[in-house]
Structure formats: structure tokens, C-alpha cells
PDB file of N, CA and C in Angstrom:
ATOM      1  N   MET A   1     114.720 110.391  94.706  1.00  0.00           N
ATOM      2  CA  MET A   1     113.722 110.664  95.709  1.00  0.00           C
ATOM      3  C   MET A   1     112.251 110.078  95.354  1.00  0.00           C
ATOM      4  N   GLN A   2     111.614 109.245  95.874  1.00  0.00           N
ATOM      5  CA  GLN A   2     110.352 108.530  95.846  1.00  0.00           C
ATOM      6  C   GLN A   2     109.161 110.002  95.892  1.00  0.00           C
ATOM      7  N   SER A   3     108.292 109.618  94.939  1.00  0.00           N
ATOM      8  CA  SER A   3     107.318 110.461  94.906  1.00  0.00           C
ATOM      9  C   SER A   3     106.105 109.951  95.865  1.00  0.00           C
ATOM     10  N   PRO A   4     105.292 111.260  96.254  1.00  0.00           N
ATOM     11  CA  PRO A   4     104.242 110.506  97.083  1.00  0.00           C
ATOM     12  C   PRO A   4     103.634 109.415  96.870  1.00  0.00           C
ATOM     13  N   SER A   5     103.052 109.463  95.635  1.00  0.00           N
ATOM     14  CA  SER A   5     101.909 108.450  95.112  1.00  0.00           C
ATOM     15  C   SER A   5     102.876 106.991  95.105  1.00  0.00           C
ATOM     16  N   SER A   6     104.017 107.221  94.715  1.00  0.00           N
ATOM     17  CA  SER A   6     104.759 105.725  94.575  1.00  0.00           C
ATOM     18  C   SER A   6     105.213 105.402  96.040  1.00  0.00           C
ATOM     19  N   PHE A   7     105.241 106.303  96.975  1.00  0.00           N
ATOM     20  CA  PHE A   7     105.778 105.877  98.414  1.00  0.00           C
ATOM     21  C   PHE A   7     104.599 105.203  98.897  1.00  0.00           C
ATOM     22  N   VAL A   8     103.236 105.684  98.578  1.00  0.00           N
ATOM     23  CA  VAL A   8     101.983 105.073  99.123  1.00  0.00           C
ATOM     24  C   VAL A   8     101.888 103.783  98.750  1.00  0.00           C
ATOM     25  N   ALA A   9     102.078 103.313  97.366  1.00  0.00           N
ATOM     26  CA  ALA A   9     101.960 102.222  96.700  1.00  0.00           C
ATOM     27  C   ALA A   9     102.770 101.088  96.823  1.00  0.00           C
ATOM     28  N   ASP A  10     104.107 101.623  96.826  1.00  0.00           N
ATOM     29  CA  ASP A  10     105.337 100.689  97.091  1.00  0.00           C
ATOM     30  C   ASP A  10     105.724 100.456  98.229  1.00  0.00           C
ATOM     31  N   VAL A  11     105.461 101.378  99.342  1.00  0.00           N
ATOM     32  CA  VAL A  11     106.021 101.250 100.754  1.00  0.00           C
ATOM     33  C   VAL A  11     104.785 101.106 101.751  1.00  0.00           C
ATOM     34  N   LEU A  12     104.067 102.206 101.765  1.00  0.00           N
ATOM     35  CA  LEU A  12     102.935 102.159 102.764  1.00  0.00           C
ATOM     36  C   LEU A  12     101.935 101.216 102.637  1.00  0.00           C
ATOM     37  N   PHE A  13     101.301 101.117 101.510  1.00  0.00           N
ATOM     38  CA  PHE A  13     100.311 100.125 101.380  1.00  0.00           C
ATOM     39  C   PHE A  13     100.624  98.558 101.895  1.00  0.00           C
ATOM     40  N   PRO A  14     101.801  97.922 101.172  1.00  0.00           N
ATOM     41  CA  PRO A  14     102.303  96.732 101.838  1.00  0.00           C
ATOM     42  C   PRO A  14     102.476  96.662 103.053  1.00  0.00           C
ATOM     43  N   TYR A  15     103.095  97.779 103.760  1.00  0.00           N
ATOM     44  CA  TYR A  15     103.359  98.051 105.112  1.00  0.00           C
ATOM     45  C   TYR A  15     101.982  97.920 105.961  1.00  0.00           C
ATOM     46  N   ILE A  16     101.015  98.589 105.622  1.00  0.00           N
ATOM     47  CA  ILE A  16      99.794  98.121 106.076  1.00  0.00           C
ATOM     48  C   ILE A  16      99.317  96.826 105.987  1.00  0.00           C
ATOM     49  N   ARG A  17      99.301  96.535 104.881  1.00  0.00           N
ATOM     50  CA  ARG A  17      98.615  95.005 104.991  1.00  0.00           C
ATOM     51  C   ARG A  17      99.448  94.060 105.724  1.00  0.00           C
ATOM     52  N   ARG A  18     100.543  94.258 105.629  1.00  0.00           N
ATOM     53  CA  ARG A  18     101.673  93.412 106.461  1.00  0.00           C
ATOM     54  C   ARG A  18     101.333  93.745 107.848  1.00  0.00           C
ATOM     55  N   GLU A  19     101.402  94.780 108.630  1.00  0.00           N
ATOM     56  CA  GLU A  19     101.621  95.131 109.962  1.00  0.00           C
ATOM     57  C   GLU A  19     100.070  95.446 110.517  1.00  0.00           C
ATOM     58  N   LEU A  20      98.909  95.472 109.741  1.00  0.00           N
ATOM     59  CA  LEU A  20      97.670  95.811 110.196  1.00  0.00           C
ATOM     60  C   LEU A  20      97.170  95.065 111.608  1.00  0.00           C
ATOM     61  N   ARG A  21      97.196  93.782 111.056  1.00  0.00           N
ATOM     62  CA  ARG A  21      96.914  92.973 112.218  1.00  0.00           C
ATOM     63  C   ARG A  21      97.438  92.910 113.704  1.00  0.00           C
ATOM     64  N   ALA A  22      98.934  93.165 113.593  1.00  0.00           N
ATOM     65  CA  ALA A  22      99.908  93.382 114.956  1.00  0.00           C
ATOM     66  C   ALA A  22      99.412  95.032 115.211  1.00  0.00           C
ATOM     67  N   TYR A  23      99.074  95.722 114.625  1.00  0.00           N
ATOM     68  CA  TYR A  23      98.785  97.124 115.179  1.00  0.00           C
ATOM     69  C   TYR A  23      97.755  96.927 115.786  1.00  0.00           C
ATOM     70  N   LEU A  24      96.627  96.488 115.101  1.00  0.00           N
ATOM     71  CA  LEU A  24      95.364  96.047 115.846  1.00  0.00           C
ATOM     72  C   LEU A  24      95.392  95.416 117.244  1.00  0.00           C
ATOM     73  N   THR A  25      95.872  94.437 117.054  1.00  0.00           N
ATOM     74  CA  THR A  25      96.195  93.438 118.374  1.00  0.00           C
ATOM     75  C   THR A  25      96.988  94.504 119.530  1.00  0.00           C
ATOM     76  N   ALA A  26      97.892  95.176 118.834  1.00  0.00           N
ATOM     77  CA  ALA A  26      98.534  95.837 120.101  1.00  0.00           C
ATOM     78  C   ALA A  26      97.855  97.117 120.764  1.00  0.00           C
ATOM     79  N   ASN A  27      96.914  97.356 119.765  1.00  0.00           N
ATOM     80  CA  ASN A  27      96.443  98.967 120.187  1.00  0.00           C
ATOM     81  C   ASN A  27      94.529  98.550 120.465  1.00  0.00           C
ATOM     82  N   TRP A  28      94.529  97.163 120.454  1.00  0.00           N
ATOM     83  CA  TRP A  28      92.832  96.969 120.482  1.00  0.00           C
ATOM     84  C   TRP A  28      92.348  97.763 121.599  1.00  0.00           C
ATOM     85  N   ALA A  29      92.597  98.075 122.679  1.00  0.00           N
ATOM     86  CA  ALA A  29      92.079  98.510 124.033  1.00  0.00           C
ATOM     87  C   ALA A  29      91.975 100.024 123.724  1.00  0.00           C
ATOM     88  N   ASN A  30      92.725 100.629 123.128  1.00  0.00           N
ATOM     89  CA  ASN A  30      92.929 101.977 122.950  1.00  0.00           C
ATOM     90  C   ASN A  30      91.644 102.659 122.379  1.00  0.00           C
ATOM     91  N   GLU A  31      91.108 103.910 122.956  1.00  0.00           N
ATOM     92  CA  GLU A  31      89.851 104.396 122.581  1.00  0.00           C
ATOM     93  C   GLU A  31      89.911 104.928 121.329  1.00  0.00           C
ATOM     94  N   GLN A  32      91.209 105.643 120.639  1.00  0.00           N
ATOM     95  CA  GLN A  32      91.640 105.867 119.422  1.00  0.00           C
ATOM     96  C   GLN A  32      90.978 104.480 118.575  1.00  0.00           C
ATOM     97  N   THR A  33      91.670 103.521 118.722  1.00  0.00           N
ATOM     98  CA  THR A  33      91.512 102.527 117.780  1.00  0.00           C
ATOM     99  C   THR A  33      90.039 102.017 117.715  1.00  0.00           C
ATOM    100  N   GLN A  34      89.587 101.889 118.858  1.00  0.00           N
ATOM    101  CA  GLN A  34      88.066 101.457 119.128  1.00  0.00           C
ATOM    102  C   GLN A  34      87.512 102.428 118.344  1.00  0.00           C
ATOM    103  N   GLN A  35      87.687 103.862 118.134  1.00  0.00           N
ATOM    104  CA  GLN A  35      86.732 104.971 117.442  1.00  0.00           C
ATOM    105  C   GLN A  35      87.017 104.756 115.796  1.00  0.00           C
ATOM    106  N   ASP A  36      88.335 104.259 115.618  1.00  0.00           N
ATOM    107  CA  ASP A  36      88.597 104.255 114.305  1.00  0.00           C
ATOM    108  C   ASP A  36      87.925 103.063 113.775  1.00  0.00           C
ATOM    109  N   VAL A  37      87.664 101.782 114.282  1.00  0.00           N
ATOM    110  CA  VAL A  37      87.052 100.779 114.064  1.00  0.00           C
ATOM    111  C   VAL A  37      85.563 100.858 113.920  1.00  0.00           C
ATOM    112  N   ASP A  38      85.067 101.616 114.901  1.00  0.00           N
ATOM    113  CA  ASP A  38      83.582 102.193 114.800  1.00  0.00           C
ATOM    114  C   ASP A  38      83.422 103.170 113.607  1.00  0.00           C
ATOM    115  N   ASN A  39      84.083 103.839 113.250  1.00  0.00           N
ATOM    116  CA  ASN A  39      83.979 104.528 111.679  1.00  0.00           C
ATOM    117  C   ASN A  39      83.953 103.514 110.699  1.00  0.00           C
ATOM    118  N   LEU A  40      84.614 102.547 110.674  1.00  0.00           N
ATOM    119  CA  LEU A  40      84.775 101.263 109.679  1.00  0.00           C
ATOM    120  C   LEU A  40      83.546 100.752 109.832  1.00  0.00           C
ATOM    121  N   ARG A  41      82.865 100.585 110.841  1.00  0.00           N
ATOM    122  CA  ARG A  41      81.502  99.670 111.175  1.00  0.00           C
ATOM    123  C   ARG A  41      80.597 100.546 110.609  1.00  0.00           C
ATOM    124  N   LYS A  42      80.514 101.681 110.699  1.00  0.00           N
ATOM    125  CA  LYS A  42      79.414 102.825 110.362  1.00  0.00           C
ATOM    126  C   LYS A  42      79.506 102.872 108.828  1.00  0.00           C
ATOM    127  N   LEU A  43      80.751 102.864 108.367  1.00  0.00           N
ATOM    128  CA  LEU A  43      80.862 102.867 106.723  1.00  0.00           C
ATOM    129  C   LEU A  43      80.297 101.792 106.136  1.00  0.00           C
ATOM    130  N   ALA A  44      80.607 100.503 106.880  1.00  0.00           N
ATOM    131  CA  ALA A  44      80.048  99.231 106.220  1.00  0.00           C
ATOM    132  C   ALA A  44      78.810  98.904 106.454  1.00  0.00           C
ATOM    133  N   GLU A  45      77.973  99.748 107.469  1.00  0.00           N
ATOM    134  CA  GLU A  45      76.669  99.604 107.513  1.00  0.00           C
ATOM    135  C   GLU A  45      76.004 100.328 106.395  1.00  0.00           C
ATOM    136  N   GLU A  46      76.541 101.484 105.867  1.00  0.00           N
ATOM    137  CA  GLU A  46      76.344 102.242 104.780  1.00  0.00           C
ATOM    138  C   GLU A  46      76.481 101.636 103.351  1.00  0.00           C
ATOM    139  N   ARG A  47      77.419 100.715 103.427  1.00  0.00           N
ATOM    140  CA  ARG A  47      77.805 100.560 102.078  1.00  0.00           C
ATOM    141  C   ARG A  47      77.833  98.643 101.985  1.00  0.00           C
ATOM    142  N   THR A  48      77.146  98.137 101.092  1.00  0.00           N
ATOM    143  CA  THR A  48      76.965  96.660 101.411  1.00  0.00           C
ATOM    144  C   THR A  48      78.136  96.134 100.489  1.00  0.00           C
ATOM    145  N   ASP A  49      79.039  96.750  99.989  1.00  0.00           N
ATOM    146  CA  ASP A  49      80.203  96.098  99.269  1.00  0.00           C
ATOM    147  C   ASP A  49      81.191  95.969 100.233  1.00  0.00           C
ATOM    148  N   LEU A  50      81.160  96.214 101.347  1.00  0.00           N
ATOM    149  CA  LEU A  50      82.373  96.383 102.414  1.00  0.00           C
ATOM    150  C   LEU A  50      81.806  95.230 103.469  1.00  0.00           C
ATOM    151  N   PRO A  51      82.910  94.527 104.262  1.00  0.00           N
ATOM    152  CA  PRO A  51      82.775  93.401 105.004  1.00  0.00           C
ATOM    153  C   PRO A  51      82.234  93.987 106.259  1.00  0.00           C
ATOM    154  N   HIS A  52      81.204  93.496 106.746  1.00  0.00           N
ATOM    155  CA  HIS A  52      80.659  93.927 107.981  1.00  0.00           C
ATOM    156  C   HIS A  52      81.607  93.889 109.277  1.00  0.00           C
ATOM    157  N   ILE A  53      81.382  94.758 110.288  1.00  0.00           N
ATOM    158  CA  ILE A  53      82.176  94.328 111.295  1.00  0.00           C
ATOM    159  C   ILE A  53      81.000  94.465 112.585  1.00  0.00           C
ATOM    160  N   PRO A  54      80.869  93.267 113.337  1.00  0.00           N
ATOM    161  CA  PRO A  54      79.990  93.361 114.181  1.00  0.00           C
ATOM    162  C   PRO A  54      80.297  94.029 115.227  1.00  0.00           C
ATOM    163  N   LYS A  55      79.296  94.429 116.074  1.00  0.00           N
ATOM    164  CA  LYS A  55      79.418  95.193 117.476  1.00  0.00           C
ATOM    165  C   LYS A  55      79.991  94.443 118.675  1.00  0.00           C
ATOM    166  N   GLU A  56      79.588  93.075 118.098  1.00  0.00           N
ATOM    167  CA  GLU A  56      80.110  92.073 119.553  1.00  0.00           C
ATOM    168  C   GLU A  56      80.476  90.968 118.728  1.00  0.00           C
ATOM    169  N   GLY A  57      81.343  90.241 119.894  1.00  0.00           N
ATOM    170  CA  GLY A  57      82.208  89.144 119.417  1.00  0.00           C
ATOM    171  C   GLY A  57      83.427  88.932 120.073  1.00  0.00           C
ATOM    172  N   SER A  58      84.112  88.004 119.965  1.00  0.00           N
ATOM    173  CA  SER A  58      85.540  87.596 120.403  1.00  0.00           C
ATOM    174  C   SER A  58      86.402  88.716 119.506  1.00  0.00           C
ATOM    175  N   LYS A  59      87.262  89.094 120.716  1.00  0.00           N
ATOM    176  CA  LYS A  59      88.340  90.095 120.079  1.00  0.00           C
ATOM    177  C   LYS A  59      89.117  89.553 118.766  1.00  0.00           C
ATOM    178  N   GLU A  60      89.087  88.182 118.602  1.00  0.00           N
ATOM    179  CA  GLU A  60      89.510  87.730 117.237  1.00  0.00           C
ATOM    180  C   GLU A  60      88.763  87.947 116.299  1.00  0.00           C
ATOM    181  N   ASP A  61      87.616  87.594 116.701  1.00  0.00           N
ATOM    182  CA  ASP A  61      86.577  87.670 115.227  1.00  0.00           C
ATOM    183  C   ASP A  61      86.267  89.240 114.718  1.00  0.00           C
ATOM    184  N   LEU A  62      86.463  89.909 116.063  1.00  0.00           N
ATOM    185  CA  LEU A  62      86.390  91.688 115.373  1.00  0.00           C
ATOM    186  C   LEU A  62      87.671  92.026 114.881  1.00  0.00           C
ATOM    187  N   LEU A  63      88.592  91.685 115.222  1.00  0.00           N
ATOM    188  CA  LEU A  63      89.671  92.104 114.648  1.00  0.00           C
ATOM    189  C   LEU A  63      90.011  91.626 113.455  1.00  0.00           C
ATOM    190  N   GLU A  64      89.501  90.331 113.237  1.00  0.00           N
ATOM    191  CA  GLU A  64      89.340  89.976 111.777  1.00  0.00           C
ATOM    192  C   GLU A  64      88.671  90.613 110.874  1.00  0.00           C
ATOM    193  N   ALA A  65      87.548  90.970 111.186  1.00  0.00           N
ATOM    194  CA  ALA A  65      86.201  91.856 110.706  1.00  0.00           C
ATOM    195  C   ALA A  65      87.103  92.866 110.303  1.00  0.00           C
ATOM    196  N   ALA A  66      87.788  93.611 111.230  1.00  0.00           N
ATOM    197  CA  ALA A  66      88.169  94.832 111.021  1.00  0.00           C
ATOM    198  C   ALA A  66      89.369  94.919 109.635  1.00  0.00           C
ATOM    199  N   VAL A  67      90.236  93.713 109.755  1.00  0.00           N
ATOM    200  CA  VAL A  67      91.167  93.757 108.888  1.00  0.00           C
ATOM    201  C   VAL A  67      90.637  93.289 107.371  1.00  0.00           C
ATOM    202  N   LYS A  68      89.777  92.496 107.407  1.00  0.00           N
ATOM    203  CA  LYS A  68      89.018  92.415 106.147  1.00  0.00           C
ATOM    204  C   LYS A  68      88.260  93.601 105.788  1.00  0.00           C
ATOM    205  N   ASN A  69      87.703  94.291 106.406  1.00  0.00           N
ATOM    206  CA  ASN A  69      87.540  95.697 106.062  1.00  0.00           C
ATOM    207  C   ASN A  69      88.280  96.859 105.566  1.00  0.00           C
ATOM    208  N   VAL A  70      89.739  96.889 106.089  1.00  0.00           N
ATOM    209  CA  VAL A  70      90.503  97.676 105.576  1.00  0.00           C
ATOM    210  C   VAL A  70      91.148  97.228 104.265  1.00  0.00           C
ATOM    211  N   THR A  71      91.325  95.846 104.385  1.00  0.00           N
ATOM    212  CA  THR A  71      91.847  95.549 103.252  1.00  0.00           C
ATOM    213  C   THR A  71      90.827  95.537 101.696  1.00  0.00           C
ATOM    214  N   ALA A  72      89.512  95.051 102.239  1.00  0.00           N
ATOM    215  CA  ALA A  72      88.763  95.616 101.131  1.00  0.00           C
ATOM    216  C   ALA A  72      88.544  96.904 100.714  1.00  0.00           C
ATOM    217  N   GLN A  73      88.700  97.753 101.413  1.00  0.00           N
ATOM    218  CA  GLN A  73      88.821  99.356 101.018  1.00  0.00           C
ATOM    219  C   GLN A  73      89.945  99.450 100.214  1.00  0.00           C
ATOM    220  N   MET A  74      90.961  98.995 100.934  1.00  0.00           N
ATOM    221  CA  MET A  74      92.289  99.141  99.807  1.00  0.00           C
ATOM    222  C   MET A  74      92.264  98.452  98.417  1.00  0.00           C
ATOM    223  N   ASP A  75      91.744  97.171  98.726  1.00  0.00           N
ATOM    224  CA  ASP A  75      91.641  96.830  97.454  1.00  0.00           C
ATOM    225  C   ASP A  75      90.841  97.392  96.275  1.00  0.00           C
ATOM    226  N   VAL A  76      89.974  98.352  96.573  1.00  0.00           N
ATOM    227  CA  VAL A  76      89.215  98.957  95.573  1.00  0.00           C
ATOM    228  C   VAL A  76      89.431 100.555  95.529  1.00  0.00           C
ATOM    229  N   ASP A  77      90.579 100.928  96.392  1.00  0.00           N
ATOM    230  CA  ASP A  77      91.286 101.952  96.497  1.00  0.00           C
ATOM    231  C   ASP A  77      90.259 103.137  96.840  1.00  0.00           C
ATOM    232  N   LEU A  78      89.357 102.864  97.869  1.00  0.00           N
ATOM    233  CA  LEU A  78      88.338 103.679  98.205  1.00  0.00           C
ATOM    234  C   LEU A  78      89.261 104.896  99.404  1.00  0.00           C
ATOM    235  N   LYS A  79      88.587 105.809  98.982  1.00  0.00           N
ATOM    236  CA  LYS A  79      89.139 107.186  99.786  1.00  0.00           C
ATOM    237  C   LYS A  79      88.206 107.543 100.564  1.00  0.00           C
ATOM    238  N   SER A  80      87.991 106.482 101.684  1.00  0.00           N
ATOM    239  CA  SER A  80      87.386 106.663 102.986  1.00  0.00           C
ATOM    240  C   SER A  80      87.816 107.463 104.029  1.00  0.00           C
ATOM    241  N   THR A  81      87.260 108.249 104.763  1.00  0.00           N
ATOM    242  CA  THR A  81      87.667 108.757 106.208  1.00  0.00           C
ATOM    243  C   THR A  81      88.285 107.804 106.960  1.00  0.00           C
ATOM    244  N   ALA A  82      87.388 106.887 107.029  1.00  0.00           N
ATOM    245  CA  ALA A  82      87.559 105.786 108.196  1.00  0.00           C
ATOM    246  C   ALA A  82      89.176 105.088 107.847  1.00  0.00           C
ATOM    247  N   LEU A  83      89.308 104.833 106.706  1.00  0.00           N
ATOM    248  CA  LEU A  83      90.432 103.945 106.144  1.00  0.00           C
ATOM    249  C   LEU A  83      91.627 104.791 106.394  1.00  0.00           C
ATOM    250  N   LYS A  84      91.309 106.028 106.057  1.00  0.00           N
ATOM    251  CA  LYS A  84      92.458 107.191 106.191  1.00  0.00           C
ATOM    252  C   LYS A  84      93.217 107.149 107.534  1.00  0.00           C
ATOM    253  N   GLY A  85      92.199 107.126 108.596  1.00  0.00           N
ATOM    254  CA  GLY A  85      92.645 107.072 109.895  1.00  0.00           C
ATOM    255  C   GLY A  85      93.535 105.938 110.318  1.00  0.00           C
ATOM    256  N   PHE A  86      93.209 104.826 109.704  1.00  0.00           N
ATOM    257  CA  PHE A  86      94.153 103.670 110.070  1.00  0.00           C
ATOM    258  C   PHE A  86      95.525 103.936 109.296  1.00  0.00           C
ATOM    259  N   GLN A  87      95.517 104.323 108.165  1.00  0.00           N
ATOM    260  CA  GLN A  87      96.509 104.423 107.176  1.00  0.00           C
ATOM    261  C   GLN A  87      97.426 105.474 107.691  1.00  0.00           C
ATOM    262  N   LEU A  88      96.975 106.553 108.389  1.00  0.00           N
ATOM    263  CA  LEU A  88      97.631 107.521 108.841  1.00  0.00           C
ATOM    264  C   LEU A  88      98.532 107.128 110.249  1.00  0.00           C
ATOM    265  N   CYS A  89      97.593 106.273 111.015  1.00  0.00           N
ATOM    266  CA  CYS A  89      98.311 105.915 112.366  1.00  0.00           C
ATOM    267  C   CYS A  89      99.355 104.750 111.916  1.00  0.00           C
ATOM    268  N   LEU A  90      99.113 104.297 110.891  1.00  0.00           N
ATOM    269  CA  LEU A  90     100.195 103.029 110.212  1.00  0.00           C
ATOM    270  C   LEU A  90     101.297 103.833 109.684  1.00  0.00           C
ATOM    271  N   LEU A  91     101.112 104.983 109.100  1.00  0.00           N
ATOM    272  CA  LEU A  91     102.344 105.763 108.527  1.00  0.00           C
ATOM    273  C   LEU A  91     103.240 106.146 109.694  1.00  0.00           C
ATOM    274  N   ILE A  92     102.588 106.654 110.666  1.00  0.00           N
ATOM    275  CA  ILE A  92     103.688 107.551 111.885  1.00  0.00           C
ATOM    276  C   ILE A  92     104.064 106.304 112.412  1.00  0.00           C
ATOM    277  N   VAL A  93     103.353 105.183 112.650  1.00  0.00           N
ATOM    278  CA  VAL A  93     104.294 104.044 113.077  1.00  0.00           C
ATOM    279  C   VAL A  93     105.476 103.528 112.224  1.00  0.00           C
ATOM    280  N   LEU A  94     105.220 103.487 110.847  1.00  0.00           N
ATOM    281  CA  LEU A  94     106.281 103.382 110.023  1.00  0.00           C
ATOM    282  C   LEU A  94     107.328 104.339 110.037  1.00  0.00           C
ATOM    283  N   LEU A  95     106.754 105.727 109.938  1.00  0.00           N
ATOM    284  CA  LEU A  95     108.051 106.814 109.939  1.00  0.00           C
ATOM    285  C   LEU A  95     108.870 106.784 111.383  1.00  0.00           C
ATOM    286  N   THR A  96     108.283 106.285 112.578  1.00  0.00           N
ATOM    287  CA  THR A  96     108.736 106.237 113.554  1.00  0.00           C
ATOM    288  C   THR A  96     109.583 105.184 114.019  1.00  0.00           C
ATOM    289  N   SER A  97     109.656 104.106 113.059  1.00  0.00           N
ATOM    290  CA  SER A  97     110.002 102.814 113.413  1.00  0.00           C
ATOM    291  C   SER A  97     111.549 102.693 113.642  1.00  0.00           C
ATOM    292  N   THR A  98     112.146 103.465 113.215  1.00  0.00           N
ATOM    293  CA  THR A  98     113.526 103.536 113.548  1.00  0.00           C
ATOM    294  C   THR A  98     114.156 103.985 114.704  1.00  0.00           C
ATOM    295  N   GLN A  99     113.126 104.670 115.431  1.00  0.00           N
ATOM    296  CA  GLN A  99     113.364 105.206 116.746  1.00  0.00           C
ATOM    297  C   GLN A  99     113.265 103.973 117.808  1.00  0.00           C
ATOM    298  N   GLN A 100     114.306 103.348 118.527  1.00  0.00           N
ATOM    299  CA  GLN A 100     114.049 102.392 119.302  1.00  0.00           C
ATOM    300  C   GLN A 100     114.015 102.822 120.719  1.00  0.00           C
ATOM    301  N   SER A 101     113.029 102.822 121.192  1.00  0.00           N
ATOM    302  CA  SER A 101     112.726 103.526 122.791  1.00  0.00           C
ATOM    303  C   SER A 101     111.467 102.660 123.073  1.00  0.00           C
ATOM    304  N   ALA A 102     111.855 102.512 124.584  1.00  0.00           N
ATOM    305  CA  ALA A 102     110.486 101.783 125.221  1.00  0.00           C
ATOM    306  C   ALA A 102     109.176 102.807 125.268  1.00  0.00           C
ATOM    307  N   ALA A 103     109.347 104.012 125.226  1.00  0.00           N
ATOM    308  CA  ALA A 103     108.321 105.060 125.118  1.00  0.00           C
ATOM    309  C   ALA A 103     107.628 105.089 123.479  1.00  0.00           C
ATOM    310  N   ARG A 104     108.365 104.707 122.486  1.00  0.00           N
ATOM    311  CA  ARG A 104     107.960 104.839 121.030  1.00  0.00           C
ATOM    312  C   ARG A 104     106.472 104.186 120.858  1.00  0.00           C
ATOM    313  N   PRO A 105     105.861 103.247 121.474  1.00  0.00           N
ATOM    314  CA  PRO A 105     104.553 102.972 120.919  1.00  0.00           C
ATOM    315  C   PRO A 105     103.495 103.932 121.590  1.00  0.00           C
ATOM    316  N   HIS A 106     103.826 104.509 122.856  1.00  0.00           N
ATOM    317  CA  HIS A 106     103.267 105.520 123.504  1.00  0.00           C
ATOM    318  C   HIS A 106     103.258 107.009 122.450  1.00  0.00           C
ATOM    319  N   VAL A 107     104.234 106.864 122.035  1.00  0.00           N
ATOM    320  CA  VAL A 107     104.431 108.484 121.381  1.00  0.00           C
ATOM    321  C   VAL A 107     103.523 107.945 119.777  1.00  0.00           C
ATOM    322  N   ASP A 108     103.838 106.887 119.320  1.00  0.00           N
ATOM    323  CA  ASP A 108     103.377 106.679 118.234  1.00  0.00           C
ATOM    324  C   ASP A 108     101.425 106.726 118.200  1.00  0.00           C
ATOM    325  N   LEU A 109     100.796 106.257 119.568  1.00  0.00           N
ATOM    326  CA  LEU A 109      99.368 106.198 119.716  1.00  0.00           C
ATOM    327  C   LEU A 109      99.218 107.756 119.985  1.00  0.00           C
ATOM    328  N   ARG A 110      99.932 108.454 120.865  1.00  0.00           N
ATOM    329  CA  ARG A 110      99.385 109.786 120.908  1.00  0.00           C
ATOM    330  C   ARG A 110      99.474 110.814 119.512  1.00  0.00           C
ATOM    331  N   LEU A 111     100.420 110.517 118.606  1.00  0.00           N
ATOM    332  CA  LEU A 111     100.363 110.978 117.327  1.00  0.00           C
ATOM    333  C   LEU A 111      99.056 110.941 116.812  1.00  0.00           C
ATOM    334  N   CYS A 112      98.822 109.276 116.825  1.00  0.00           N
ATOM    335  CA  CYS A 112      97.315 109.211 116.295  1.00  0.00           C
ATOM    336  C   CYS A 112      96.191 109.636 116.891  1.00  0.00           C
ATOM    337  N   GLU A 113      96.256 109.978 117.905  1.00  0.00           N
ATOM    338  CA  GLU A 113      95.362 110.637 118.840  1.00  0.00           C
ATOM    339  C   GLU A 113      95.297 112.189 118.456  1.00  0.00           C
ATOM    340  N   TRP A 114      96.674 112.835 118.623  1.00  0.00           N
ATOM    341  CA  TRP A 114      96.436 113.991 118.075  1.00  0.00           C
ATOM    342  C   TRP A 114      95.910 114.321 116.601  1.00  0.00           C
ATOM    343  N   ARG A 115      96.220 113.432 115.590  1.00  0.00           N
ATOM    344  CA  ARG A 115      95.396 113.280 114.427  1.00  0.00           C
ATOM    345  C   ARG A 115      94.204 113.559 114.545  1.00  0.00           C
ATOM    346  N   THR A 116      93.332 112.897 115.335  1.00  0.00           N
ATOM    347  CA  THR A 116      92.086 113.107 115.452  1.00  0.00           C
ATOM    348  C   THR A 116      91.651 114.344 116.192  1.00  0.00           C
ATOM    349  N   GLU A 117      92.376 114.870 117.003  1.00  0.00           N
ATOM    350  CA  GLU A 117      92.013 116.069 117.697  1.00  0.00           C
ATOM    351  C   GLU A 117      92.487 117.081 116.832  1.00  0.00           C
ATOM    352  N   ARG A 118      93.163 117.004 115.567  1.00  0.00           N
ATOM    353  CA  ARG A 118      93.375 118.048 114.800  1.00  0.00           C
ATOM    354  C   ARG A 118      94.582 119.088 115.024  1.00  0.00           C
ATOM    355  N   ARG A 119      95.643 118.131 116.034  1.00  0.00           N
ATOM    356  CA  ARG A 119      96.808 119.042 116.918  1.00  0.00           C
ATOM    357  C   ARG A 119      97.828 118.713 115.591  1.00  0.00           C
ATOM    358  N   VAL A 120      97.776 117.698 115.128  1.00  0.00           N
ATOM    359  CA  VAL A 120      98.945 117.389 113.837  1.00  0.00           C
ATOM    360  C   VAL A 120      98.289 117.579 112.577  1.00  0.00           C
ATOM    361  N   SER A 121      99.142 118.359 111.802  1.00  0.00           N
ATOM    362  CA  SER A 121      98.628 118.647 110.222  1.00  0.00           C
ATOM    363  C   SER A 121      99.583 117.745 109.363  1.00  0.00           C
ATOM    364  N   ILE A 122      99.104 117.039 108.582  1.00  0.00           N
ATOM    365  CA  ILE A 122      99.648 116.119 107.846  1.00  0.00           C
ATOM    366  C   ILE A 122      99.628 116.302 106.284  1.00  0.00           C
ATOM    367  N   VAL A 123     100.586 116.321 105.676  1.00  0.00           N
ATOM    368  CA  VAL A 123     100.184 116.671 104.019  1.00  0.00           C
ATOM    369  C   VAL A 123      99.423 115.397 103.375  1.00  0.00           C
ATOM    370  N   LYS A 124      98.286 115.850 102.780  1.00  0.00           N
ATOM    371  CA  LYS A 124      97.536 114.664 102.327  1.00  0.00           C
ATOM    372  C   LYS A 124      98.438 113.868 101.051  1.00  0.00           C
ATOM    373  N   ILE A 125      98.858 112.527 101.345  1.00  0.00           N
ATOM    374  CA  ILE A 125      99.638 111.879 100.234  1.00  0.00           C
ATOM    375  C   ILE A 125      99.011 110.518  99.916  1.00  0.00           C
ATOM    376  N   PHE A 126      97.531 110.424 100.305  1.00  0.00           N
ATOM    377  CA  PHE A 126      97.029 109.255 100.034  1.00  0.00           C
ATOM    378  C   PHE A 126      95.254 109.476  99.832  1.00  0.00           C
TER     379      PHE A 126
END
């Protein structure tokens, strides 16, 4: 059995790095995703060592800035709430990815929304 820290390092983080762009592209218009990006933006305004995410620009430019920000935070193992929001949503996608259903993307997204509304309690593993 894999330990929680081993799961995060060996499975979750590589999955996030590989799937973050696709996740953001698929969910960009979602209110929760925009809230998560806004949280990343605010953190980058407070910390000069993180890539800036502009408030305006093309979807592709904003998406690229968000990916760079998340990746930079992961590179230095930052434990920010903004980063954990993305990590948790992608963890939910990873854990539910074996369920093949047309409704699955909506379920994944709803789980991420519940996380924000504090309706889902997840054990802290990262």
C-alpha cells in the first residue's frame, strides 16, 4: 500500500502537471475555476516570486499564466490554499477517472464546488 506522501509525490503531482492545462481548458468558464484562478492571481500579487496572472487577456494567455503559476508553486512545494484548490479538484478527477459516464465531468466539477462550500471533508494528504 502506498503512503499518502508517496501517493502525492509519485502519482498526484505528476498527474497534475500532465493534466492541468486540459483541466483548465475544459473548465475555464466554470465559476469555481475562475474563483480558483482569482485566488492564484491574488497570491501572485502578494508574492513577487510567483508568475503573475493578468486580469485580462486572451483565454490562452490567461490559461498559460495560471499553468505557470501552479507549476511554480509546486516546484517550490508551496502550501498555499490557492494551489490546494487546484490540487484537490484534480485529485477528485483522478480518483473518479475510472468511472466512465457522460455525467462524470459534471460530478467532478460538483465535487470541486462542494469542496469550496465545505460540504465535502477530505483528509489532508498534501
